[in-house]
Amino acid sequence: MRLIIFLLISLLVVLALTNPNEAEFRSYMQQKYGIAGSLSLKVASIFSAGTSTGVARDNYVVFSRYYIGGDGILPRTDLAWGVAGKFFDIKEDDAK
């Protein structure tokens, strides 16, 4: 039983240490979408209210959710989840 608890705690620590930040997400967008990804983040930062950089991150310690908008003209749009140094795109349904 102690081994299982130790392994679970170890897994949580590893996930927390490998939780990607906003800079890593920007790099991911640039690699996946090229110049279009970089430009979309720049446009989002222009239309953001305040000193926002366009991309925002909800940090849940072991994983994160990345989104744009929600604080200015742009409505909030979830872009991806980040966990263990990887990103998983969020597919939005068109029929709401």
C-alpha atoms as a PDB file:
ATOM      1  CA  MET A   1       0.000   0.000   0.000  1.00  0.00           C
ATOM      2  CA  ARG A   2       2.851   2.377   0.798  1.00  0.00           C
ATOM      3  CA  LEU A   3       4.389   1.696  -2.607  1.00  0.00           C
ATOM      4  CA  ILE A   4       1.171   2.710  -4.380  1.00  0.00           C
ATOM      5  CA  ILE A   5       0.910   5.927  -2.367  1.00  0.00           C
ATOM      6  CA  PHE A   6       4.581   6.689  -3.042  1.00  0.00           C
ATOM      7  CA  LEU A   7       4.091   6.109  -6.786  1.00  0.00           C
ATOM      8  CA  LEU A   8       0.999   8.349  -6.877  1.00  0.00           C
ATOM      9  CA  ILE A   9       2.783  11.148  -5.037  1.00  0.00           C
ATOM     10  CA  SER A  10       5.786  10.751  -7.346  1.00  0.00           C
ATOM     11  CA  LEU A  11       3.512  10.964 -10.392  1.00  0.00           C
ATOM     12  CA  LEU A  12       1.883  14.151  -9.090  1.00  0.00           C
ATOM     13  CA  VAL A  13       5.280  15.734  -8.429  1.00  0.00           C
ATOM     14  CA  VAL A  14       6.516  14.851 -11.925  1.00  0.00           C
ATOM     15  CA  LEU A  15       3.334  16.252 -13.507  1.00  0.00           C
ATOM     16  CA  ALA A  16       3.666  19.469 -11.502  1.00  0.00           C
ATOM     17  CA  LEU A  17       7.307  19.908 -12.526  1.00  0.00           C
ATOM     18  CA  THR A  18       6.575  19.297 -16.219  1.00  0.00           C
ATOM     19  CA  ASN A  19       3.498  21.546 -16.378  1.00  0.00           C
ATOM     20  CA  PRO A  20       4.156  23.777 -19.431  1.00  0.00           C
ATOM     21  CA  ASN A  21       4.100  27.586 -19.159  1.00  0.00           C
ATOM     22  CA  GLU A  22       2.871  30.315 -21.555  1.00  0.00           C
ATOM     23  CA  ALA A  23       6.231  30.644 -23.326  1.00  0.00           C
ATOM     24  CA  GLU A  24       6.217  26.933 -24.131  1.00  0.00           C
ATOM     25  CA  PHE A  25       2.653  27.261 -25.429  1.00  0.00           C
ATOM     26  CA  ARG A  26       3.660  30.157 -27.698  1.00  0.00           C
ATOM     27  CA  SER A  27       6.516  28.029 -29.040  1.00  0.00           C
ATOM     28  CA  TYR A  28       4.095  25.154 -29.630  1.00  0.00           C
ATOM     29  CA  MET A  29       1.715  27.444 -31.569  1.00  0.00           C
ATOM     30  CA  GLN A  30       4.579  28.728 -33.702  1.00  0.00           C
ATOM     31  CA  GLN A  31       5.834  25.216 -34.473  1.00  0.00           C
ATOM     32  CA  LYS A  32       2.395  23.771 -35.233  1.00  0.00           C
ATOM     33  CA  TYR A  33       0.789  26.656 -37.125  1.00  0.00           C
ATOM     34  CA  GLY A  34       3.842  28.583 -38.314  1.00  0.00           C
ATOM     35  CA  ILE A  35       3.495  32.291 -38.925  1.00  0.00           C
ATOM     36  CA  ALA A  36      -0.310  32.094 -38.787  1.00  0.00           C
ATOM     37  CA  GLY A  37      -0.119  30.864 -35.187  1.00  0.00           C
ATOM     38  CA  SER A  38       2.257  33.652 -34.198  1.00  0.00           C
ATOM     39  CA  LEU A  39       0.137  36.290 -35.899  1.00  0.00           C
ATOM     40  CA  SER A  40      -3.061  35.039 -34.281  1.00  0.00           C
ATOM     41  CA  LEU A  41      -1.472  35.409 -30.843  1.00  0.00           C
ATOM     42  CA  LYS A  42      -0.277  38.926 -31.735  1.00  0.00           C
ATOM     43  CA  VAL A  43      -3.773  39.922 -32.898  1.00  0.00           C
ATOM     44  CA  ALA A  44      -5.250  38.493 -29.704  1.00  0.00           C
ATOM     45  CA  SER A  45      -2.822  40.560 -27.634  1.00  0.00           C
ATOM     46  CA  ILE A  46      -3.800  43.719 -29.537  1.00  0.00           C
ATOM     47  CA  PHE A  47      -7.496  43.190 -28.799  1.00  0.00           C
ATOM     48  CA  SER A  48      -6.922  42.186 -25.175  1.00  0.00           C
ATOM     49  CA  ALA A  49      -7.728  44.618 -22.422  1.00  0.00           C
ATOM     50  CA  GLY A  50      -4.963  45.811 -20.112  1.00  0.00           C
ATOM     51  CA  THR A  51      -1.433  44.458 -20.195  1.00  0.00           C
ATOM     52  CA  SER A  52      -2.434  40.961 -21.286  1.00  0.00           C
ATOM     53  CA  THR A  53      -0.185  39.142 -23.748  1.00  0.00           C
ATOM     54  CA  GLY A  54      -3.150  37.635 -25.573  1.00  0.00           C
ATOM     55  CA  VAL A  55      -2.768  34.106 -24.263  1.00  0.00           C
ATOM     56  CA  ALA A  56      -3.940  33.341 -20.763  1.00  0.00           C
ATOM     57  CA  ARG A  57      -3.350  30.230 -18.708  1.00  0.00           C
ATOM     58  CA  ASP A  58      -5.476  28.581 -16.060  1.00  0.00           C
ATOM     59  CA  ASN A  59      -2.920  26.737 -13.934  1.00  0.00           C
ATOM     60  CA  TYR A  60      -4.181  23.662 -12.067  1.00  0.00           C
ATOM     61  CA  VAL A  61      -0.691  22.684 -10.766  1.00  0.00           C
ATOM     62  CA  VAL A  62      -0.469  19.341 -12.624  1.00  0.00           C
ATOM     63  CA  PHE A  63      -2.052  20.598 -15.875  1.00  0.00           C
ATOM     64  CA  SER A  64      -3.005  23.895 -17.519  1.00  0.00           C
ATOM     65  CA  ARG A  65      -5.659  25.245 -19.877  1.00  0.00           C
ATOM     66  CA  TYR A  66      -4.689  27.917 -22.415  1.00  0.00           C
ATOM     67  CA  TYR A  67      -7.160  30.375 -23.914  1.00  0.00           C
ATOM     68  CA  ILE A  68      -7.445  33.744 -25.626  1.00  0.00           C
ATOM     69  CA  GLY A  69      -9.935  36.529 -25.073  1.00  0.00           C
ATOM     70  CA  GLY A  70     -12.498  36.843 -22.335  1.00  0.00           C
ATOM     71  CA  ASP A  71     -11.193  40.147 -21.003  1.00  0.00           C
ATOM     72  CA  GLY A  72     -11.774  42.626 -23.824  1.00  0.00           C
ATOM     73  CA  ILE A  73     -13.388  42.613 -27.238  1.00  0.00           C
ATOM     74  CA  LEU A  74     -12.678  38.947 -27.985  1.00  0.00           C
ATOM     75  CA  PRO A  75     -14.867  36.247 -26.458  1.00  0.00           C
ATOM     76  CA  ARG A  76     -13.043  33.541 -24.515  1.00  0.00           C
ATOM     77  CA  THR A  77     -11.819  30.723 -26.738  1.00  0.00           C
ATOM     78  CA  ASP A  78     -10.143  27.689 -25.202  1.00  0.00           C
ATOM     79  CA  LEU A  79      -7.161  26.579 -27.268  1.00  0.00           C
ATOM     80  CA  ALA A  80      -5.398  23.674 -25.590  1.00  0.00           C
ATOM     81  CA  TRP A  81      -4.672  21.672 -22.464  1.00  0.00           C
ATOM     82  CA  GLY A  82      -1.076  21.282 -21.338  1.00  0.00           C
ATOM     83  CA  VAL A  83       0.097  18.336 -19.259  1.00  0.00           C
ATOM     84  CA  ALA A  84       3.483  16.623 -18.832  1.00  0.00           C
ATOM     85  CA  GLY A  85       5.140  18.993 -21.297  1.00  0.00           C
ATOM     86  CA  LYS A  86       2.636  18.145 -24.068  1.00  0.00           C
ATOM     87  CA  PHE A  87      -0.260  20.097 -25.536  1.00  0.00           C
ATOM     88  CA  PHE A  88      -3.641  18.753 -26.561  1.00  0.00           C
ATOM     89  CA  ASP A  89      -5.785  20.985 -28.773  1.00  0.00           C
ATOM     90  CA  ILE A  90      -9.365  21.624 -27.739  1.00  0.00           C
ATOM     91  CA  LYS A  91     -11.902  21.077 -30.490  1.00  0.00           C
ATOM     92  CA  GLU A  92     -14.836  23.481 -30.206  1.00  0.00           C
ATOM     93  CA  ASP A  93     -18.251  22.239 -31.338  1.00  0.00           C
ATOM     94  CA  ASP A  94     -19.874  24.470 -33.940  1.00  0.00           C
ATOM     95  CA  ALA A  95     -23.398  23.513 -32.833  1.00  0.00           C
ATOM     96  CA  LYS A  96     -23.915  25.088 -29.436  1.00  0.00           C
END
